[in-house]
Protein backbone atom coordinates (compact mmCIF):
# COMPACT_ATOMS: atom_id res chain seq x y z
CA MET A 1 -9.95 4.92 -34.71
CA GLY A 2 -9.07 1.62 -36.39
CA ARG A 3 -10.30 -0.30 -33.34
CA TYR A 4 -13.88 0.66 -34.26
CA ASN A 5 -13.84 0.43 -38.05
CA GLU A 6 -15.84 -2.78 -38.21
CA LEU A 7 -18.35 -1.67 -35.56
CA ILE A 8 -19.39 1.85 -36.49
CA ASN A 9 -19.33 4.25 -39.41
CA PRO A 10 -15.98 6.14 -39.19
CA GLN A 11 -17.64 9.52 -39.76
CA ALA A 12 -20.14 8.84 -36.98
CA LEU A 13 -17.33 7.77 -34.67
CA GLN A 14 -15.35 10.92 -35.41
CA TYR A 15 -18.44 12.95 -34.57
CA VAL A 16 -18.86 11.09 -31.27
CA LEU A 17 -15.23 11.62 -30.29
CA GLU A 18 -15.24 15.29 -31.24
CA ASN A 19 -18.54 16.04 -29.52
CA SER A 20 -18.41 14.01 -26.32
CA VAL A 21 -14.86 13.18 -25.24
CA ARG A 22 -13.24 15.48 -22.68
CA GLU A 23 -9.65 14.72 -21.76
CA ARG A 24 -7.62 16.71 -19.27
CA PRO A 25 -4.30 18.00 -20.65
CA LEU A 26 -2.35 15.90 -18.13
CA LEU A 27 -4.12 12.72 -19.25
CA ALA A 28 -3.43 13.65 -22.87
CA ARG A 29 0.27 14.11 -22.09
CA LEU A 30 0.43 10.73 -20.38
CA ARG A 31 -1.30 9.10 -23.34
CA GLU A 32 1.12 10.80 -25.75
CA GLU A 33 4.15 9.62 -23.79
CA THR A 34 2.74 6.10 -23.62
CA SER A 35 2.10 6.07 -27.37
CA ARG A 36 5.88 5.89 -27.88
CA HIS A 37 6.20 2.85 -25.61
CA ALA A 38 6.94 -0.57 -27.13
CA ASN A 39 3.74 -1.88 -25.52
CA ALA A 40 1.57 1.13 -26.35
CA ARG A 41 -1.25 -1.26 -27.31
CA PHE A 42 -1.86 -1.72 -23.56
CA GLN A 43 -3.05 1.90 -23.34
CA ILE A 44 -6.79 2.48 -23.04
CA PRO A 45 -8.28 5.22 -25.27
CA PRO A 46 -9.50 8.51 -23.76
CA GLU A 47 -13.17 7.68 -24.25
CA GLN A 48 -12.69 4.57 -22.13
CA GLY A 49 -11.02 6.57 -19.38
CA GLN A 50 -13.96 8.97 -19.47
CA LEU A 51 -16.43 6.09 -19.19
CA LEU A 52 -14.59 4.76 -16.13
CA GLN A 53 -14.86 8.20 -14.55
CA ILE A 54 -18.59 8.32 -15.25
CA LEU A 55 -19.08 4.84 -13.75
CA VAL A 56 -17.16 5.80 -10.62
CA LYS A 57 -19.22 8.96 -10.18
CA MET A 58 -22.52 7.16 -10.81
CA LEU A 59 -21.60 4.58 -8.17
CA GLY A 60 -20.58 7.26 -5.69
CA ALA A 61 -17.40 5.23 -5.38
CA LYS A 62 -14.79 5.83 -2.70
CA ARG A 63 -12.81 2.59 -2.73
CA THR A 64 -11.75 1.01 -6.00
CA ILE A 65 -9.42 -1.68 -7.30
CA GLU A 66 -7.38 -1.69 -10.49
CA ILE A 67 -5.74 -4.85 -11.81
CA GLY A 68 -3.13 -3.94 -14.41
CA VAL A 69 -1.73 -0.41 -14.18
CA PHE A 70 0.80 -0.11 -17.04
CA THR A 71 1.74 3.60 -17.25
CA GLY A 72 -1.17 4.67 -15.07
CA TYR A 73 -3.74 6.28 -17.37
CA SER A 74 -6.81 4.45 -16.10
CA ALA A 75 -5.77 4.72 -12.45
CA LEU A 76 -5.22 8.45 -12.93
CA ALA A 77 -8.60 8.87 -14.62
CA VAL A 78 -10.36 7.03 -11.79
CA ALA A 79 -8.43 8.83 -9.05
CA LEU A 80 -9.39 12.20 -10.54
CA ALA A 81 -13.06 11.16 -10.37
CA LEU A 82 -12.90 10.07 -6.72
CA PRO A 83 -13.60 12.34 -3.73
CA PRO A 84 -10.55 13.59 -1.79
CA ASP A 85 -10.80 10.65 0.64
CA GLY A 86 -11.14 8.10 -2.17
CA GLN A 87 -8.68 5.30 -2.82
CA VAL A 88 -7.49 3.16 -5.71
CA ILE A 89 -5.66 -0.03 -4.80
CA ALA A 90 -3.60 -0.48 -7.96
CA CYS A 91 -2.09 -3.89 -8.73
CA ASP A 92 0.83 -4.43 -11.08
CA VAL A 93 4.08 -6.38 -11.27
CA SER A 94 6.24 -3.82 -13.13
CA GLU A 95 8.27 -1.14 -11.39
CA GLU A 96 9.40 0.05 -14.83
CA TYR A 97 5.94 0.71 -16.27
CA THR A 98 4.52 2.15 -13.07
CA SER A 99 7.45 4.55 -12.62
CA VAL A 100 5.84 6.55 -15.44
CA ALA A 101 2.50 6.34 -13.65
CA ARG A 102 3.93 7.65 -10.39
CA ARG A 103 5.23 10.81 -12.07
CA TYR A 104 1.82 11.71 -13.46
CA TRP A 105 -0.08 10.79 -10.30
CA LEU A 106 2.21 13.09 -8.33
CA GLU A 107 1.82 15.95 -10.81
CA ALA A 108 -1.98 15.54 -10.74
CA GLY A 109 -2.01 15.73 -6.95
CA VAL A 110 -3.67 12.33 -6.56
CA ALA A 111 -0.70 10.17 -5.56
CA GLY A 112 -2.16 9.97 -2.05
CA ARG A 113 -5.32 8.37 -3.43
CA ILE A 114 -3.47 5.56 -5.23
CA ASP A 115 -2.04 2.67 -3.23
CA LEU A 116 0.25 0.88 -5.69
CA ARG A 117 0.95 -2.76 -4.83
CA ILE A 118 3.84 -4.28 -6.80
CA ALA A 119 3.05 -7.98 -6.58
CA PRO A 120 0.99 -10.57 -8.47
CA ALA A 121 -2.57 -9.23 -8.38
CA SER A 122 -4.00 -12.55 -7.20
CA GLU A 123 -1.81 -12.30 -4.09
CA THR A 124 -2.80 -8.70 -3.40
CA LEU A 125 -6.50 -9.52 -3.78
CA ALA A 126 -6.19 -12.62 -1.62
CA GLY A 127 -4.54 -10.48 1.04
CA LEU A 128 -7.41 -8.00 0.98
CA ILE A 129 -9.92 -10.83 1.36
CA ALA A 130 -7.92 -12.38 4.22
CA ASP A 131 -7.81 -8.94 5.87
CA GLY A 132 -11.60 -8.88 6.10
CA GLN A 133 -12.18 -6.41 3.27
CA ALA A 134 -14.75 -8.48 1.36
CA GLY A 135 -17.65 -6.30 0.26
CA GLN A 136 -15.73 -3.11 1.04
CA PHE A 137 -15.06 -1.86 -2.51
CA ASP A 138 -17.33 0.02 -4.89
CA PHE A 139 -15.65 -0.64 -8.23
CA ALA A 140 -12.97 -2.79 -9.82
CA PHE A 141 -11.30 -2.51 -13.23
CA ILE A 142 -9.59 -5.61 -14.67
CA ASP A 143 -7.06 -4.98 -17.46
CA ALA A 144 -4.13 -7.35 -17.02
CA ASP A 145 -2.95 -10.81 -18.11
CA LYS A 146 -5.88 -12.53 -19.77
CA ALA A 147 -5.16 -15.97 -18.30
CA GLY A 148 -5.73 -14.44 -14.87
CA TYR A 149 -9.12 -12.88 -15.66
CA PRO A 150 -11.36 -15.71 -14.35
CA GLY A 151 -9.56 -15.70 -11.01
CA TYR A 152 -9.49 -11.90 -10.77
CA TYR A 153 -13.20 -11.81 -11.52
CA GLU A 154 -14.00 -14.22 -8.70
CA GLN A 155 -11.78 -12.39 -6.24
CA CYS A 156 -13.33 -9.05 -7.19
CA MET A 157 -16.78 -10.58 -6.77
CA GLN A 158 -15.83 -11.12 -3.14
CA LEU A 159 -14.31 -7.68 -2.65
CA VAL A 160 -16.95 -5.54 -4.39
CA ARG A 161 -20.11 -4.65 -2.47
CA ASN A 162 -23.65 -5.43 -3.61
CA GLY A 163 -24.54 -2.70 -6.08
CA GLY A 164 -20.89 -2.17 -6.95
CA ALA A 165 -19.45 -2.89 -10.37
CA ILE A 166 -16.63 -4.74 -12.07
CA ALA A 167 -15.37 -3.63 -15.51
CA LEU A 168 -13.31 -6.02 -17.62
CA ASP A 169 -11.31 -4.76 -20.61
CA ASN A 170 -10.36 -6.46 -23.89
CA MET A 171 -13.26 -8.89 -23.82
CA LEU A 172 -13.47 -9.02 -27.63
CA GLN A 173 -9.75 -9.55 -28.19
CA SER A 174 -9.84 -7.70 -31.54
CA GLY A 175 -12.71 -9.97 -32.60
CA LYS A 176 -10.79 -13.21 -31.96
CA VAL A 177 -13.46 -14.42 -29.52
CA THR A 178 -15.90 -14.63 -32.46
CA GLU A 179 -13.76 -17.03 -34.49
CA ASP A 180 -14.34 -20.77 -34.67
CA PRO A 181 -12.05 -22.20 -33.53
CA VAL A 182 -10.83 -19.42 -31.25
CA PRO A 183 -7.27 -18.81 -32.49
CA ASP A 184 -5.26 -18.40 -29.28
CA GLY A 185 -5.23 -19.07 -25.57
CA ASP A 186 -6.05 -15.56 -24.38
CA ALA A 187 -9.06 -15.31 -26.68
CA ALA A 188 -10.23 -18.75 -25.55
CA VAL A 189 -10.05 -17.74 -21.89
CA LEU A 190 -12.08 -14.60 -22.53
CA HIS A 191 -14.60 -16.38 -24.76
CA HIS A 192 -15.32 -18.82 -21.93
CA LEU A 193 -15.43 -15.98 -19.41
CA ASN A 194 -17.94 -14.10 -21.57
CA GLN A 195 -20.15 -17.18 -21.54
CA TYR A 196 -19.65 -17.62 -17.80
CA ILE A 197 -20.62 -14.03 -16.99
CA LEU A 198 -23.66 -14.32 -19.22
CA ARG A 199 -24.90 -17.17 -16.99
CA ASP A 200 -23.71 -15.67 -13.70
CA GLU A 201 -26.84 -14.96 -11.65
CA ARG A 202 -24.83 -12.92 -9.15
CA VAL A 203 -24.54 -9.99 -11.57
CA ASP A 204 -26.36 -7.89 -14.12
CA ALA A 205 -23.85 -7.56 -16.94
CA LEU A 206 -23.39 -6.36 -20.48
CA LEU A 207 -20.52 -6.72 -22.95
CA LEU A 208 -20.21 -3.43 -24.81
CA PRO A 209 -18.72 -3.23 -28.34
CA PHE A 210 -16.53 -0.40 -27.07
CA ALA A 211 -12.75 -0.06 -27.36
CA ASP A 212 -11.67 -3.75 -27.44
CA GLY A 213 -14.84 -4.92 -25.72
CA LEU A 214 -15.72 -3.76 -22.21
CA THR A 215 -17.88 -5.84 -19.90
CA ILE A 216 -19.63 -4.05 -17.06
CA ALA A 217 -20.98 -6.36 -14.35
CA VAL A 218 -23.02 -4.95 -11.46
CA LYS A 219 -23.09 -7.19 -8.42
CA ARG A 220 -26.60 -7.97 -7.17
């Protein structure tokens, strides 16, 4: 809960989590296993996974993109919310991290919905665009290397249909984006991207003070 301490009364937050968050046992097991990982900070919280599921269902999504898989929690959450013929194209560069993901996807019965591409995400996205798939996706979730966010955003803007959505994680960088001067390169990239999306007339967007800052941009 520490991620919210400066944003919301802790008692109110506990109430929200206890009275609105539903997490499948398999997702909870994956989150527990990931909590012992050296890079456990990469793991999204269960309420964020639930929000992604709600977004996917509201959009009536069938084809989605994920940039940054780690141990597979968010891809699993999205895949579980998709119809049987839905698809997640999941981009990551780590066979090690995603080997955990594959186990859970298989156990959940959704491995067939997740097309894992082990390659730099920019190359995978460029390949989709070159293959004529612009405007063919309903939703994209960006949660990877922060230096790559501006490029991923632009590529997803090509791939997502009008009325589709892009969600970008970690847009507050633990509050670093609010500091003057911004203390590190990742925070600086995201601070500028926040300002860019604010002015981007191609989308209707909002940065939510949720988890580590989640921007939701709906393409016009």
